[in-house]
Every structure is written in C-alpha cells, then in structure tokens.
Amino acid sequence: MHGLSRAEIVEALLSYLVENADARDTLEGIVEWWLLDRTIRHDTAEVKRVLDDLVAKELILERKTGDGRIHYCVNPRKQKEIRALLKRGMSGQTEE
C-alpha cells in the first residue's frame, strides 16, 4: 500500500466524518480503521484496473462462477510469456 499525502489524509478524514457523523475514535483507531479503509478501497480499484489490463492482454483469464463473482487465474497458454515478462521486470508493462 502507498502512503497518503497530507491532502489525501485531510480529504479522507473529512469524508469519513461527513459519511459517519457520529464517529469518534482514537488516533490509532483513525489510522487503523478510517484511513486504512480508504486506502484499501483505493488499492482495490487499482487492482481491478490492473486485472482488467492483464485480462485484455490474455495473460490471465477471468471466469464468472455460479455465485456471480469473477475468479482470475493464469492463462496456461501464456505462461512462457509471463515468465519472460517477470524475468526482465514488468514495471510499466501493463499500461501500454
């Protein structure tokens, strides 16, 4: 997870308090629950974008299950390509 900037912390705290007007907590509780929740939600959105990119490149496959959730797995036909990408370092590779 990444660290939040001062502006992001201000926005996160104020947004949380507007959404949860009765909220009260300690410094530790605010960091653990309020800010961590926002960071996780942001990170979840970023992970979804990365998954979408990897699916579009057919490096991973997505399958909808009976309960409507999507499961992801490696595309066995692309394992050689994936290993080559990992070997040379993938930073920036999924943003083409």
N, C-alpha and C. Protein backbone atom coordinates (compact mmCIF):
# COMPACT_ATOMS: atom_id res chain seq x y z
N MET A 1 0.82 -1.18 0.00
CA MET A 1 0.00 0.00 0.00
C MET A 1 0.87 1.24 0.00
N HIS A 2 0.36 2.28 -0.54
CA HIS A 2 1.12 3.51 -0.61
C HIS A 2 0.74 4.42 0.56
N GLY A 3 1.62 5.38 0.87
CA GLY A 3 1.33 6.35 1.91
C GLY A 3 0.44 7.45 1.35
N LEU A 4 -0.37 8.01 2.21
CA LEU A 4 -1.26 9.09 1.80
C LEU A 4 -0.56 10.43 1.98
N SER A 5 -0.81 11.36 1.07
CA SER A 5 -0.28 12.71 1.22
C SER A 5 -1.13 13.44 2.27
N ARG A 6 -0.64 14.57 2.72
CA ARG A 6 -1.38 15.37 3.70
C ARG A 6 -2.78 15.72 3.17
N ALA A 7 -2.85 16.14 1.90
CA ALA A 7 -4.14 16.50 1.30
C ALA A 7 -5.08 15.29 1.27
N GLU A 8 -4.54 14.11 0.97
CA GLU A 8 -5.37 12.90 0.94
C GLU A 8 -5.87 12.55 2.34
N ILE A 9 -5.03 12.77 3.35
CA ILE A 9 -5.45 12.50 4.73
C ILE A 9 -6.56 13.45 5.13
N VAL A 10 -6.41 14.73 4.81
CA VAL A 10 -7.46 15.72 5.12
C VAL A 10 -8.77 15.29 4.45
N GLU A 11 -8.70 14.97 3.17
CA GLU A 11 -9.90 14.56 2.43
C GLU A 11 -10.52 13.29 3.03
N ALA A 12 -9.66 12.33 3.36
CA ALA A 12 -10.15 11.06 3.91
C ALA A 12 -10.84 11.28 5.26
N LEU A 13 -10.22 12.06 6.13
CA LEU A 13 -10.81 12.30 7.45
C LEU A 13 -12.14 13.04 7.34
N LEU A 14 -12.16 14.10 6.55
CA LEU A 14 -13.39 14.87 6.41
C LEU A 14 -14.49 14.06 5.73
N SER A 15 -14.12 13.31 4.70
CA SER A 15 -15.12 12.47 4.02
C SER A 15 -15.70 11.43 4.97
N TYR A 16 -14.82 10.82 5.74
CA TYR A 16 -15.27 9.80 6.69
C TYR A 16 -16.24 10.40 7.70
N LEU A 17 -15.89 11.57 8.21
CA LEU A 17 -16.74 12.21 9.22
C LEU A 17 -18.07 12.68 8.65
N VAL A 18 -18.08 13.12 7.41
CA VAL A 18 -19.34 13.50 6.77
C VAL A 18 -20.22 12.28 6.59
N GLU A 19 -19.63 11.15 6.18
CA GLU A 19 -20.38 9.91 5.96
C GLU A 19 -20.78 9.24 7.27
N ASN A 20 -20.04 9.51 8.34
CA ASN A 20 -20.26 8.86 9.64
C ASN A 20 -20.26 9.93 10.73
N ALA A 21 -21.32 10.74 10.74
CA ALA A 21 -21.36 11.93 11.60
C ALA A 21 -21.19 11.62 13.09
N ASP A 22 -21.55 10.43 13.52
CA ASP A 22 -21.43 10.07 14.93
C ASP A 22 -20.09 9.41 15.27
N ALA A 23 -19.19 9.33 14.31
CA ALA A 23 -17.91 8.63 14.51
C ALA A 23 -17.04 9.36 15.52
N ARG A 24 -16.39 8.57 16.38
CA ARG A 24 -15.40 9.06 17.32
C ARG A 24 -14.38 7.95 17.50
N ASP A 25 -13.11 8.33 17.54
CA ASP A 25 -12.09 7.30 17.69
C ASP A 25 -10.79 7.92 18.16
N THR A 26 -9.86 7.08 18.55
CA THR A 26 -8.52 7.50 18.94
C THR A 26 -7.66 7.67 17.70
N LEU A 27 -6.49 8.24 17.87
CA LEU A 27 -5.55 8.37 16.76
C LEU A 27 -5.30 7.00 16.14
N GLU A 28 -5.03 6.00 16.99
CA GLU A 28 -4.76 4.65 16.48
C GLU A 28 -5.95 4.08 15.73
N GLY A 29 -7.15 4.29 16.25
CA GLY A 29 -8.35 3.80 15.58
C GLY A 29 -8.59 4.50 14.25
N ILE A 30 -8.32 5.80 14.22
CA ILE A 30 -8.49 6.55 12.98
C ILE A 30 -7.54 6.03 11.92
N VAL A 31 -6.29 5.84 12.28
CA VAL A 31 -5.30 5.34 11.31
C VAL A 31 -5.67 3.94 10.86
N GLU A 32 -5.99 3.07 11.83
CA GLU A 32 -6.26 1.68 11.50
C GLU A 32 -7.55 1.48 10.73
N TRP A 33 -8.61 2.16 11.12
CA TRP A 33 -9.92 1.88 10.54
C TRP A 33 -10.33 2.89 9.49
N TRP A 34 -10.22 4.17 9.78
CA TRP A 34 -10.71 5.17 8.83
C TRP A 34 -9.80 5.27 7.62
N LEU A 35 -8.51 5.47 7.86
CA LEU A 35 -7.60 5.67 6.73
C LEU A 35 -7.27 4.37 6.02
N LEU A 36 -7.13 3.29 6.77
CA LEU A 36 -6.86 2.00 6.15
C LEU A 36 -8.00 1.62 5.23
N ASP A 37 -9.24 1.86 5.65
CA ASP A 37 -10.41 1.55 4.83
C ASP A 37 -10.35 2.31 3.51
N ARG A 38 -10.02 3.58 3.57
CA ARG A 38 -9.94 4.38 2.34
C ARG A 38 -8.81 3.87 1.45
N THR A 39 -7.66 3.57 2.04
CA THR A 39 -6.53 3.07 1.27
C THR A 39 -6.86 1.74 0.60
N ILE A 40 -7.52 0.87 1.35
CA ILE A 40 -7.91 -0.43 0.79
C ILE A 40 -8.87 -0.23 -0.38
N ARG A 41 -9.85 0.66 -0.21
CA ARG A 41 -10.79 0.90 -1.31
C ARG A 41 -10.07 1.44 -2.54
N HIS A 42 -9.12 2.36 -2.34
CA HIS A 42 -8.35 2.89 -3.47
C HIS A 42 -7.52 1.78 -4.11
N ASP A 43 -6.83 1.01 -3.26
CA ASP A 43 -6.00 -0.07 -3.78
C ASP A 43 -6.82 -1.12 -4.50
N THR A 44 -8.02 -1.39 -4.02
CA THR A 44 -8.91 -2.35 -4.67
C THR A 44 -9.26 -1.88 -6.08
N ALA A 45 -9.55 -0.59 -6.23
CA ALA A 45 -9.87 -0.04 -7.55
C ALA A 45 -8.66 -0.16 -8.48
N GLU A 46 -7.47 0.09 -7.94
CA GLU A 46 -6.25 -0.01 -8.76
C GLU A 46 -5.99 -1.47 -9.16
N VAL A 47 -6.19 -2.39 -8.24
CA VAL A 47 -6.01 -3.82 -8.55
C VAL A 47 -6.99 -4.23 -9.64
N LYS A 48 -8.23 -3.74 -9.59
CA LYS A 48 -9.22 -4.06 -10.62
C LYS A 48 -8.76 -3.55 -11.98
N ARG A 49 -8.21 -2.35 -12.03
CA ARG A 49 -7.71 -1.81 -13.31
C ARG A 49 -6.56 -2.67 -13.84
N VAL A 50 -5.67 -3.10 -12.97
CA VAL A 50 -4.55 -3.95 -13.39
C VAL A 50 -5.08 -5.30 -13.89
N LEU A 51 -6.03 -5.89 -13.15
CA LEU A 51 -6.62 -7.15 -13.60
C LEU A 51 -7.25 -7.01 -14.98
N ASP A 52 -7.99 -5.91 -15.18
CA ASP A 52 -8.61 -5.67 -16.49
C ASP A 52 -7.56 -5.61 -17.59
N ASP A 53 -6.43 -4.94 -17.32
CA ASP A 53 -5.35 -4.85 -18.30
C ASP A 53 -4.77 -6.24 -18.60
N LEU A 54 -4.53 -7.02 -17.55
CA LEU A 54 -3.95 -8.35 -17.73
C LEU A 54 -4.91 -9.28 -18.47
N VAL A 55 -6.19 -9.16 -18.22
CA VAL A 55 -7.19 -9.95 -18.94
C VAL A 55 -7.21 -9.52 -20.41
N ALA A 56 -7.16 -8.22 -20.65
CA ALA A 56 -7.16 -7.72 -22.04
C ALA A 56 -5.97 -8.24 -22.82
N LYS A 57 -4.84 -8.42 -22.13
CA LYS A 57 -3.63 -8.95 -22.77
C LYS A 57 -3.62 -10.48 -22.78
N GLU A 58 -4.67 -11.07 -22.23
CA GLU A 58 -4.84 -12.52 -22.16
C GLU A 58 -3.75 -13.21 -21.35
N LEU A 59 -3.11 -12.48 -20.43
CA LEU A 59 -2.12 -13.09 -19.55
C LEU A 59 -2.81 -13.84 -18.42
N ILE A 60 -3.96 -13.34 -18.01
CA ILE A 60 -4.78 -14.05 -17.04
C ILE A 60 -6.19 -14.17 -17.62
N LEU A 61 -6.92 -15.13 -17.09
CA LEU A 61 -8.29 -15.38 -17.53
C LEU A 61 -9.26 -15.05 -16.41
N GLU A 62 -10.45 -14.63 -16.78
CA GLU A 62 -11.48 -14.41 -15.77
C GLU A 62 -12.66 -15.31 -16.09
N ARG A 63 -13.22 -15.86 -15.03
CA ARG A 63 -14.37 -16.75 -15.18
C ARG A 63 -15.41 -16.37 -14.14
N LYS A 64 -16.64 -16.18 -14.59
CA LYS A 64 -17.73 -15.90 -13.67
C LYS A 64 -18.24 -17.22 -13.12
N THR A 65 -18.39 -17.28 -11.81
CA THR A 65 -18.86 -18.50 -11.17
C THR A 65 -20.36 -18.43 -10.92
N GLY A 66 -20.91 -19.51 -10.43
CA GLY A 66 -22.34 -19.59 -10.20
C GLY A 66 -22.88 -18.53 -9.25
N ASP A 67 -22.04 -18.06 -8.34
CA ASP A 67 -22.49 -17.04 -7.40
C ASP A 67 -22.34 -15.63 -7.97
N GLY A 68 -21.93 -15.52 -9.23
CA GLY A 68 -21.83 -14.23 -9.89
C GLY A 68 -20.49 -13.54 -9.70
N ARG A 69 -19.63 -14.09 -8.87
CA ARG A 69 -18.32 -13.47 -8.65
C ARG A 69 -17.36 -13.92 -9.75
N ILE A 70 -16.36 -13.10 -10.00
CA ILE A 70 -15.37 -13.40 -11.02
C ILE A 70 -14.11 -13.93 -10.34
N HIS A 71 -13.60 -15.02 -10.87
CA HIS A 71 -12.35 -15.60 -10.40
C HIS A 71 -11.31 -15.43 -11.49
N TYR A 72 -10.08 -15.16 -11.08
CA TYR A 72 -8.98 -14.94 -12.01
C TYR A 72 -7.95 -16.06 -11.89
N CYS A 73 -7.34 -16.41 -13.00
CA CYS A 73 -6.28 -17.42 -12.97
C CYS A 73 -5.34 -17.16 -14.14
N VAL A 74 -4.17 -17.78 -14.07
CA VAL A 74 -3.19 -17.63 -15.13
C VAL A 74 -3.70 -18.30 -16.41
N ASN A 75 -3.37 -17.71 -17.53
CA ASN A 75 -3.67 -18.32 -18.81
C ASN A 75 -2.54 -19.31 -19.10
N PRO A 76 -2.81 -20.60 -19.06
CA PRO A 76 -1.73 -21.58 -19.23
C PRO A 76 -1.00 -21.44 -20.55
N ARG A 77 -1.66 -20.93 -21.57
CA ARG A 77 -1.01 -20.76 -22.87
C ARG A 77 -0.05 -19.57 -22.89
N LYS A 78 -0.09 -18.74 -21.84
CA LYS A 78 0.75 -17.54 -21.79
C LYS A 78 1.84 -17.64 -20.73
N GLN A 79 2.01 -18.81 -20.11
CA GLN A 79 2.97 -18.92 -19.03
C GLN A 79 4.40 -18.60 -19.47
N LYS A 80 4.78 -19.01 -20.64
CA LYS A 80 6.12 -18.71 -21.14
C LYS A 80 6.32 -17.20 -21.27
N GLU A 81 5.32 -16.53 -21.83
CA GLU A 81 5.37 -15.08 -21.99
C GLU A 81 5.40 -14.37 -20.62
N ILE A 82 4.61 -14.87 -19.69
CA ILE A 82 4.57 -14.29 -18.34
C ILE A 82 5.93 -14.44 -17.67
N ARG A 83 6.52 -15.62 -17.76
CA ARG A 83 7.85 -15.85 -17.16
C ARG A 83 8.89 -14.90 -17.75
N ALA A 84 8.82 -14.67 -19.06
CA ALA A 84 9.75 -13.76 -19.72
C ALA A 84 9.55 -12.33 -19.21
N LEU A 85 8.29 -11.91 -19.06
CA LEU A 85 8.00 -10.58 -18.53
C LEU A 85 8.52 -10.43 -17.11
N LEU A 86 8.30 -11.44 -16.29
CA LEU A 86 8.77 -11.39 -14.90
C LEU A 86 10.29 -11.36 -14.83
N LYS A 87 10.92 -12.11 -15.71
CA LYS A 87 12.38 -12.18 -15.69
C LYS A 87 13.02 -10.84 -16.01
N ARG A 88 12.43 -10.11 -16.96
CA ARG A 88 13.03 -8.82 -17.33
C ARG A 88 12.44 -7.64 -16.56
N GLY A 89 11.45 -7.91 -15.72
CA GLY A 89 10.84 -6.85 -14.92
C GLY A 89 9.67 -6.22 -15.65
N MET A 90 8.52 -6.20 -15.00
CA MET A 90 7.29 -5.78 -15.67
C MET A 90 6.89 -4.34 -15.41
N SER A 91 7.60 -3.58 -14.62
CA SER A 91 7.12 -2.25 -14.27
C SER A 91 6.76 -1.47 -15.53
N GLY A 92 5.53 -1.00 -15.54
CA GLY A 92 5.04 -0.23 -16.68
C GLY A 92 4.50 -1.06 -17.82
N GLN A 93 4.69 -2.37 -17.80
CA GLN A 93 4.28 -3.23 -18.91
C GLN A 93 2.77 -3.28 -19.10
N THR A 94 1.99 -3.11 -18.01
CA THR A 94 0.54 -3.27 -18.12
C THR A 94 -0.14 -1.98 -18.50
N GLU A 95 0.61 -0.89 -18.72
CA GLU A 95 -0.03 0.38 -19.02
C GLU A 95 0.04 0.74 -20.50
N GLU A 96 0.40 -0.18 -21.34
CA GLU A 96 0.52 0.09 -22.77
C GLU A 96 -0.79 0.49 -23.37
